[in-house]
Amino acid sequence: MSSAAAENPADLREGIIATGIDPTSWAYAEDYVGEDEVVTGARASAADFGVTAIGPGSAAALSLLAATVGAKAVVEIGTGTGVSGLALLRGMRTDGTLTTVDLDAENQRLARKTYLDAGITSNRFRLIAGAALDVVTRLTDGHYDLVFCDADRRENTAYLHEALRLLRPGGIVVFAGILTAGRVPDPAHRDPETTALRDLIRAVREDDDLVSALLPTSEGLLTATKRLG
């Protein structure tokens, strides 16, 4: 969950609807799963503290992906106020553990409240305050089922490198905020963040060890599975 770069889901509904699907259908799909009071509370906290949470469609996709791989060990880069972490925890195995990293300790305090309010026991999550690349480099190779990245977009390629080291074969890496209000596909945008996103997309697409897709949910999710062999 990024504080600086994620897009407002409401803005996306107004301005970025994929060709071939009308805005009403897109909104219906985005809200298909629905969200409870814990999640809406976490979203309100995010708004109060200047953090933009992933959209409902992306949250639902995270739960689905975590459930699909039977995730027991997950790393999240960018804790925010707990919207994405809770989505991951709800899709993971009931004995699974989320390790989530964020520079802001206050974000993590709010995320802890989100998890506990949702009935997640404290032994199922590990909150680490610190710079992502300082923390994840110390995590165990090949131990994780899913790595979710929603932090400094300019560091995404470095996050990818670490994720591929951390993931077991068949594990999934997911990046949020890829569509960025239409900037990535528009060559006129050459700011460092947009350029970094294009570099990430290219690196994932050209890696023969990955099977990938760019999902147009909420602000866009770039997903890739590490081949089994």
C-alpha atoms as a PDB file:
ATOM      1  CA  MET A   1       0.000   0.000   0.000  1.00  0.00           C
ATOM      2  CA  SER A   2       1.785   3.097  -1.207  1.00  0.00           C
ATOM      3  CA  SER A   3       1.512   6.550   0.308  1.00  0.00           C
ATOM      4  CA  ALA A   4       2.949   8.358  -2.680  1.00  0.00           C
ATOM      5  CA  ALA A   5       2.094   6.668  -5.925  1.00  0.00           C
ATOM      6  CA  ALA A   6      -1.127   4.685  -5.863  1.00  0.00           C
ATOM      7  CA  GLU A   7      -4.093   6.162  -7.695  1.00  0.00           C
ATOM      8  CA  ASN A   8      -7.499   7.074  -6.279  1.00  0.00           C
ATOM      9  CA  PRO A   9      -9.957   4.292  -7.246  1.00  0.00           C
ATOM     10  CA  ALA A  10     -12.744   6.864  -7.650  1.00  0.00           C
ATOM     11  CA  ASP A  11     -10.666   8.775 -10.186  1.00  0.00           C
ATOM     12  CA  LEU A  12      -9.981   5.546 -12.041  1.00  0.00           C
ATOM     13  CA  ARG A  13     -13.693   4.827 -12.299  1.00  0.00           C
ATOM     14  CA  GLU A  14     -14.245   8.228 -13.874  1.00  0.00           C
ATOM     15  CA  GLY A  15     -11.301   8.293 -16.227  1.00  0.00           C
ATOM     16  CA  ILE A  16      -9.877   4.872 -17.029  1.00  0.00           C
ATOM     17  CA  ILE A  17     -12.309   2.248 -18.237  1.00  0.00           C
ATOM     18  CA  ALA A  18     -10.874  -0.523 -20.396  1.00  0.00           C
ATOM     19  CA  THR A  19     -11.957  -0.618 -24.017  1.00  0.00           C
ATOM     20  CA  GLY A  20     -14.833  -3.029 -24.471  1.00  0.00           C
ATOM     21  CA  ILE A  21     -16.319  -2.661 -20.984  1.00  0.00           C
ATOM     22  CA  ASP A  22     -18.642   0.166 -20.017  1.00  0.00           C
ATOM     23  CA  PRO A  23     -18.185   2.117 -16.767  1.00  0.00           C
ATOM     24  CA  THR A  24     -21.205   0.521 -15.098  1.00  0.00           C
ATOM     25  CA  SER A  25     -19.922  -2.990 -15.760  1.00  0.00           C
ATOM     26  CA  TRP A  26     -16.417  -2.059 -14.643  1.00  0.00           C
ATOM     27  CA  ALA A  27     -17.745  -0.630 -11.365  1.00  0.00           C
ATOM     28  CA  TYR A  28     -19.877  -3.752 -10.864  1.00  0.00           C
ATOM     29  CA  ALA A  29     -16.815  -5.969 -11.313  1.00  0.00           C
ATOM     30  CA  GLU A  30     -14.704  -3.738  -9.056  1.00  0.00           C
ATOM     31  CA  ASP A  31     -17.217  -4.052  -6.212  1.00  0.00           C
ATOM     32  CA  TYR A  32     -18.141  -7.683  -6.885  1.00  0.00           C
ATOM     33  CA  VAL A  33     -16.769  -9.113  -3.621  1.00  0.00           C
ATOM     34  CA  GLY A  34     -17.779  -6.222  -1.365  1.00  0.00           C
ATOM     35  CA  GLU A  35     -16.026  -4.992   1.771  1.00  0.00           C
ATOM     36  CA  ASP A  36     -16.902  -5.073   5.461  1.00  0.00           C
ATOM     37  CA  GLU A  37     -16.669  -2.365   8.109  1.00  0.00           C
ATOM     38  CA  VAL A  38     -13.101  -3.304   9.048  1.00  0.00           C
ATOM     39  CA  VAL A  39     -11.880  -2.621   5.525  1.00  0.00           C
ATOM     40  CA  THR A  40     -13.865   0.579   5.130  1.00  0.00           C
ATOM     41  CA  GLY A  41     -12.425   1.723   8.453  1.00  0.00           C
ATOM     42  CA  ALA A  42      -8.901   0.981   7.247  1.00  0.00           C
ATOM     43  CA  ARG A  43      -9.634   2.941   4.073  1.00  0.00           C
ATOM     44  CA  ALA A  44     -10.834   5.894   6.158  1.00  0.00           C
ATOM     45  CA  SER A  45      -7.634   5.779   8.217  1.00  0.00           C
ATOM     46  CA  ALA A  46      -5.615   5.680   5.003  1.00  0.00           C
ATOM     47  CA  ALA A  47      -7.374   8.793   3.729  1.00  0.00           C
ATOM     48  CA  ASP A  48      -6.767  10.579   7.045  1.00  0.00           C
ATOM     49  CA  PHE A  49      -3.040   9.796   6.950  1.00  0.00           C
ATOM     50  CA  GLY A  50      -2.451  10.488   3.244  1.00  0.00           C
ATOM     51  CA  VAL A  51      -2.118   6.829   2.256  1.00  0.00           C
ATOM     52  CA  THR A  52      -3.927   5.555  -0.831  1.00  0.00           C
ATOM     53  CA  ALA A  53      -5.080   1.977  -0.406  1.00  0.00           C
ATOM     54  CA  ILE A  54      -5.404  -0.481  -3.265  1.00  0.00           C
ATOM     55  CA  GLY A  55      -8.880  -0.588  -4.787  1.00  0.00           C
ATOM     56  CA  PRO A  56     -11.537  -3.191  -3.984  1.00  0.00           C
ATOM     57  CA  GLY A  57     -10.914  -5.135  -7.187  1.00  0.00           C
ATOM     58  CA  SER A  58      -7.212  -5.404  -6.460  1.00  0.00           C
ATOM     59  CA  ALA A  59      -7.913  -6.452  -2.866  1.00  0.00           C
ATOM     60  CA  ALA A  60     -10.209  -9.214  -4.095  1.00  0.00           C
ATOM     61  CA  ALA A  61      -7.566 -10.335  -6.581  1.00  0.00           C
ATOM     62  CA  LEU A  62      -4.952 -10.540  -3.819  1.00  0.00           C
ATOM     63  CA  SER A  63      -7.217 -12.768  -1.736  1.00  0.00           C
ATOM     64  CA  LEU A  64      -7.812 -14.964  -4.767  1.00  0.00           C
ATOM     65  CA  LEU A  65      -4.127 -15.255  -5.637  1.00  0.00           C
ATOM     66  CA  ALA A  66      -3.163 -16.075  -2.045  1.00  0.00           C
ATOM     67  CA  ALA A  67      -5.838 -18.757  -1.902  1.00  0.00           C
ATOM     68  CA  THR A  68      -4.905 -20.155  -5.313  1.00  0.00           C
ATOM     69  CA  VAL A  69      -1.311 -20.885  -4.285  1.00  0.00           C
ATOM     70  CA  GLY A  70      -2.334 -22.027  -0.799  1.00  0.00           C
ATOM     71  CA  ALA A  71      -0.101 -19.308   0.612  1.00  0.00           C
ATOM     72  CA  LYS A  72       1.392 -19.999   4.019  1.00  0.00           C
ATOM     73  CA  ALA A  73       4.232 -17.444   3.931  1.00  0.00           C
ATOM     74  CA  VAL A  74       3.720 -14.032   2.298  1.00  0.00           C
ATOM     75  CA  VAL A  75       5.846 -10.878   2.129  1.00  0.00           C
ATOM     76  CA  GLU A  76       4.242  -7.480   1.673  1.00  0.00           C
ATOM     77  CA  ILE A  77       6.339  -4.422   0.802  1.00  0.00           C
ATOM     78  CA  GLY A  78       4.268  -1.385   1.790  1.00  0.00           C
ATOM     79  CA  THR A  79       1.969  -2.018   4.758  1.00  0.00           C
ATOM     80  CA  GLY A  80      -0.162   1.109   4.636  1.00  0.00           C
ATOM     81  CA  THR A  81      -3.119   0.858   7.009  1.00  0.00           C
ATOM     82  CA  GLY A  82      -3.731  -2.822   6.390  1.00  0.00           C
ATOM     83  CA  VAL A  83      -6.177  -3.000   3.474  1.00  0.00           C
ATOM     84  CA  SER A  84      -3.930  -5.101   1.256  1.00  0.00           C
ATOM     85  CA  GLY A  85      -2.467  -7.087   4.146  1.00  0.00           C
ATOM     86  CA  LEU A  86      -5.920  -8.079   5.354  1.00  0.00           C
ATOM     87  CA  ALA A  87      -6.873  -9.128   1.827  1.00  0.00           C
ATOM     88  CA  LEU A  88      -3.795 -11.350   1.720  1.00  0.00           C
ATOM     89  CA  LEU A  89      -4.436 -12.809   5.181  1.00  0.00           C
ATOM     90  CA  ARG A  90      -8.032 -13.634   4.276  1.00  0.00           C
ATOM     91  CA  GLY A  91      -6.870 -15.584   1.236  1.00  0.00           C
ATOM     92  CA  MET A  92      -3.969 -17.355   2.931  1.00  0.00           C
ATOM     93  CA  ARG A  93      -4.065 -20.627   4.810  1.00  0.00           C
ATOM     94  CA  THR A  94      -5.335 -20.238   8.363  1.00  0.00           C
ATOM     95  CA  ASP A  95      -1.884 -21.198   9.656  1.00  0.00           C
ATOM     96  CA  GLY A  96      -0.152 -18.750   7.317  1.00  0.00           C
ATOM     97  CA  THR A  97       1.982 -15.762   8.327  1.00  0.00           C
ATOM     98  CA  LEU A  98       2.216 -12.354   6.669  1.00  0.00           C
ATOM     99  CA  THR A  99       5.508 -10.448   6.925  1.00  0.00           C
ATOM    100  CA  THR A 100       4.817  -6.820   6.074  1.00  0.00           C
ATOM    101  CA  VAL A 101       7.376  -4.008   5.763  1.00  0.00           C
ATOM    102  CA  ASP A 102       6.848  -0.244   5.861  1.00  0.00           C
ATOM    103  CA  LEU A 103       8.974   2.805   6.597  1.00  0.00           C
ATOM    104  CA  ASP A 104       6.210   4.373   8.677  1.00  0.00           C
ATOM    105  CA  ALA A 105       5.671   2.855  12.119  1.00  0.00           C
ATOM    106  CA  GLU A 106       2.368   4.736  12.479  1.00  0.00           C
ATOM    107  CA  ASN A 107       1.058   3.028   9.349  1.00  0.00           C
ATOM    108  CA  GLN A 108       1.934  -0.282  10.907  1.00  0.00           C
ATOM    109  CA  ARG A 109       0.175   0.612  14.158  1.00  0.00           C
ATOM    110  CA  LEU A 110      -2.981   1.247  12.156  1.00  0.00           C
ATOM    111  CA  ALA A 111      -2.483  -1.958  10.165  1.00  0.00           C
ATOM    112  CA  ARG A 112      -2.143  -3.963  13.381  1.00  0.00           C
ATOM    113  CA  LYS A 113      -5.473  -2.538  14.542  1.00  0.00           C
ATOM    114  CA  THR A 114      -7.038  -3.481  11.197  1.00  0.00           C
ATOM    115  CA  TYR A 115      -5.862  -7.078  11.463  1.00  0.00           C
ATOM    116  CA  LEU A 116      -6.937  -7.475  15.088  1.00  0.00           C
ATOM    117  CA  ASP A 117     -10.327  -5.856  14.424  1.00  0.00           C
ATOM    118  CA  ALA A 118     -10.825  -8.423  11.662  1.00  0.00           C
ATOM    119  CA  GLY A 119     -10.155 -11.265  14.094  1.00  0.00           C
ATOM    120  CA  ILE A 120      -6.669 -12.070  12.826  1.00  0.00           C
ATOM    121  CA  THR A 121      -4.534 -13.339  15.703  1.00  0.00           C
ATOM    122  CA  SER A 122      -1.209 -11.612  16.324  1.00  0.00           C
ATOM    123  CA  ASN A 123       0.811 -14.762  15.595  1.00  0.00           C
ATOM    124  CA  ARG A 124      -0.314 -14.580  11.956  1.00  0.00           C
ATOM    125  CA  PHE A 125       1.427 -11.321  11.074  1.00  0.00           C
ATOM    126  CA  ARG A 126       4.869  -9.805  11.549  1.00  0.00           C
ATOM    127  CA  LEU A 127       5.209  -6.040  11.161  1.00  0.00           C
ATOM    128  CA  ILE A 128       8.699  -4.730  10.413  1.00  0.00           C
ATOM    129  CA  ALA A 129       9.355  -0.984  10.282  1.00  0.00           C
ATOM    130  CA  GLY A 130      12.229  -0.110   7.980  1.00  0.00           C
ATOM    131  CA  ALA A 131      13.390   0.464   4.431  1.00  0.00           C
ATOM    132  CA  ALA A 132      12.149  -2.372   2.239  1.00  0.00           C
ATOM    133  CA  LEU A 133      15.473  -3.210   0.621  1.00  0.00           C
ATOM    134  CA  ASP A 134      17.197  -3.258   4.012  1.00  0.00           C
ATOM    135  CA  VAL A 135      14.634  -5.718   5.370  1.00  0.00           C
ATOM    136  CA  VAL A 136      13.811  -8.117   2.541  1.00  0.00           C
ATOM    137  CA  THR A 137      17.458  -8.834   1.787  1.00  0.00           C
ATOM    138  CA  ARG A 138      17.583 -10.563   5.181  1.00  0.00           C
ATOM    139  CA  LEU A 139      14.617 -12.874   4.497  1.00  0.00           C
ATOM    140  CA  THR A 140      15.079 -16.539   3.600  1.00  0.00           C
ATOM    141  CA  ASP A 141      15.605 -17.656  -0.010  1.00  0.00           C
ATOM    142  CA  GLY A 142      12.843 -19.758  -1.576  1.00  0.00           C
ATOM    143  CA  HIS A 143      10.673 -19.661   1.539  1.00  0.00           C
ATOM    144  CA  TYR A 144       7.692 -17.600   0.383  1.00  0.00           C
ATOM    145  CA  ASP A 145       4.565 -18.344  -1.653  1.00  0.00           C
ATOM    146  CA  LEU A 146       3.651 -14.770  -2.608  1.00  0.00           C
ATOM    147  CA  VAL A 147       5.361 -11.374  -2.563  1.00  0.00           C
ATOM    148  CA  PHE A 148       3.220  -8.248  -2.899  1.00  0.00           C
ATOM    149  CA  CYS A 149       4.891  -4.911  -3.692  1.00  0.00           C
ATOM    150  CA  ASP A 150       3.211  -1.536  -3.205  1.00  0.00           C
ATOM    151  CA  ALA A 151       5.866   0.929  -2.104  1.00  0.00           C
ATOM    152  CA  ASP A 152       8.381   3.171  -3.888  1.00  0.00           C
ATOM    153  CA  ARG A 153       7.698   2.601  -7.595  1.00  0.00           C
ATOM    154  CA  ARG A 154      11.267   3.638  -8.426  1.00  0.00           C
ATOM    155  CA  GLU A 155      12.541   0.610  -6.506  1.00  0.00           C
ATOM    156  CA  ASN A 156      10.228  -1.918  -8.151  1.00  0.00           C
ATOM    157  CA  THR A 157      12.906  -3.577 -10.272  1.00  0.00           C
ATOM    158  CA  ALA A 158      14.986  -4.117  -7.131  1.00  0.00           C
ATOM    159  CA  TYR A 159      11.897  -5.525  -5.402  1.00  0.00           C
ATOM    160  CA  LEU A 160      11.458  -7.908  -8.340  1.00  0.00           C
ATOM    161  CA  HIS A 161      15.014  -9.152  -7.962  1.00  0.00           C
ATOM    162  CA  GLU A 162      14.473  -9.826  -4.275  1.00  0.00           C
ATOM    163  CA  ALA A 163      11.053 -11.393  -4.845  1.00  0.00           C
ATOM    164  CA  LEU A 164      12.444 -13.920  -7.307  1.00  0.00           C
ATOM    165  CA  ARG A 165      15.004 -14.909  -4.708  1.00  0.00           C
ATOM    166  CA  LEU A 166      12.397 -15.204  -1.959  1.00  0.00           C
ATOM    167  CA  LEU A 167       9.757 -17.122  -3.918  1.00  0.00           C
ATOM    168  CA  ARG A 168       9.500 -20.877  -4.157  1.00  0.00           C
ATOM    169  CA  PRO A 169       8.892 -22.338  -7.638  1.00  0.00           C
ATOM    170  CA  GLY A 170       5.220 -21.756  -8.429  1.00  0.00           C
ATOM    171  CA  GLY A 171       5.133 -18.674  -6.170  1.00  0.00           C
ATOM    172  CA  ILE A 172       3.622 -15.377  -7.276  1.00  0.00           C
ATOM    173  CA  VAL A 173       4.906 -11.810  -7.272  1.00  0.00           C
ATOM    174  CA  VAL A 174       2.392  -8.961  -7.552  1.00  0.00           C
ATOM    175  CA  PHE A 175       2.980  -5.237  -8.116  1.00  0.00           C
ATOM    176  CA  ALA A 176       0.288  -2.614  -7.498  1.00  0.00           C
ATOM    177  CA  GLY A 177      -0.233   0.780  -9.115  1.00  0.00           C
ATOM    178  CA  ILE A 178       0.967  -0.224 -12.570  1.00  0.00           C
ATOM    179  CA  LEU A 179      -1.537   1.652 -14.734  1.00  0.00           C
ATOM    180  CA  THR A 180      -0.950   5.019 -12.974  1.00  0.00           C
ATOM    181  CA  ALA A 181      -3.826   6.950 -14.548  1.00  0.00           C
ATOM    182  CA  GLY A 182      -2.710   6.226 -18.113  1.00  0.00           C
ATOM    183  CA  ARG A 183       0.865   7.464 -17.788  1.00  0.00           C
ATOM    184  CA  VAL A 184       2.657   4.176 -18.452  1.00  0.00           C
ATOM    185  CA  PRO A 185       1.317   3.554 -21.983  1.00  0.00           C
ATOM    186  CA  ASP A 186       1.739   7.227 -22.933  1.00  0.00           C
ATOM    187  CA  PRO A 187       5.308   7.787 -24.219  1.00  0.00           C
ATOM    188  CA  ALA A 188       5.001  11.502 -23.463  1.00  0.00           C
ATOM    189  CA  HIS A 189       5.345  10.722 -19.749  1.00  0.00           C
ATOM    190  CA  ARG A 190       9.023  10.288 -18.909  1.00  0.00           C
ATOM    191  CA  ASP A 191       9.164  11.086 -15.213  1.00  0.00           C
ATOM    192  CA  PRO A 192      11.346   8.758 -13.086  1.00  0.00           C
ATOM    193  CA  GLU A 193       8.415   6.871 -11.558  1.00  0.00           C
ATOM    194  CA  THR A 194       6.695   6.156 -14.880  1.00  0.00           C
ATOM    195  CA  THR A 195       9.981   5.168 -16.489  1.00  0.00           C
ATOM    196  CA  ALA A 196      10.663   2.797 -13.597  1.00  0.00           C
ATOM    197  CA  LEU A 197       7.253   1.179 -14.070  1.00  0.00           C
ATOM    198  CA  ARG A 198       7.953   0.630 -17.764  1.00  0.00           C
ATOM    199  CA  ASP A 199      11.315  -0.916 -16.858  1.00  0.00           C
ATOM    200  CA  LEU A 200       9.574  -3.260 -14.430  1.00  0.00           C
ATOM    201  CA  ILE A 201       6.948  -4.316 -16.965  1.00  0.00           C
ATOM    202  CA  ARG A 202       9.660  -5.017 -19.516  1.00  0.00           C
ATOM    203  CA  ALA A 203      11.757  -7.009 -17.034  1.00  0.00           C
ATOM    204  CA  VAL A 204       8.807  -9.194 -16.042  1.00  0.00           C
ATOM    205  CA  ARG A 205       7.629  -9.731 -19.615  1.00  0.00           C
ATOM    206  CA  GLU A 206      11.092 -10.678 -20.877  1.00  0.00           C
ATOM    207  CA  ASP A 207      11.910 -13.112 -18.057  1.00  0.00           C
ATOM    208  CA  ASP A 208      11.512 -16.626 -19.460  1.00  0.00           C
ATOM    209  CA  ASP A 209      11.201 -18.024 -15.940  1.00  0.00           C
ATOM    210  CA  LEU A 210       7.981 -16.079 -15.351  1.00  0.00           C
ATOM    211  CA  VAL A 211       4.422 -16.398 -16.618  1.00  0.00           C
ATOM    212  CA  SER A 212       2.847 -12.969 -16.292  1.00  0.00           C
ATOM    213  CA  ALA A 213      -0.271 -10.883 -16.846  1.00  0.00           C
ATOM    214  CA  LEU A 214      -1.197  -7.242 -16.319  1.00  0.00           C
ATOM    215  CA  LEU A 215      -4.619  -7.185 -14.660  1.00  0.00           C
ATOM    216  CA  PRO A 216      -6.709  -4.005 -15.132  1.00  0.00           C
ATOM    217  CA  THR A 217      -8.249  -4.145 -11.653  1.00  0.00           C
ATOM    218  CA  SER A 218      -8.428  -0.874  -9.713  1.00  0.00           C
ATOM    219  CA  GLU A 219      -5.047   0.821 -10.346  1.00  0.00           C
ATOM    220  CA  GLY A 220      -3.622  -2.215 -12.145  1.00  0.00           C
ATOM    221  CA  LEU A 221      -1.837  -5.308 -10.859  1.00  0.00           C
ATOM    222  CA  LEU A 222       1.201  -6.777 -12.574  1.00  0.00           C
ATOM    223  CA  THR A 223       1.278 -10.463 -11.639  1.00  0.00           C
ATOM    224  CA  ALA A 224       3.834 -13.143 -12.418  1.00  0.00           C
ATOM    225  CA  THR A 225       4.256 -16.775 -11.439  1.00  0.00           C
ATOM    226  CA  LYS A 226       7.675 -18.342 -11.047  1.00  0.00           C
ATOM    227  CA  ARG A 227       7.745 -21.417 -13.302  1.00  0.00           C
ATOM    228  CA  LEU A 228       7.922 -24.806 -11.623  1.00  0.00           C
ATOM    229  CA  GLY A 229      10.651 -26.016 -13.916  1.00  0.00           C
END
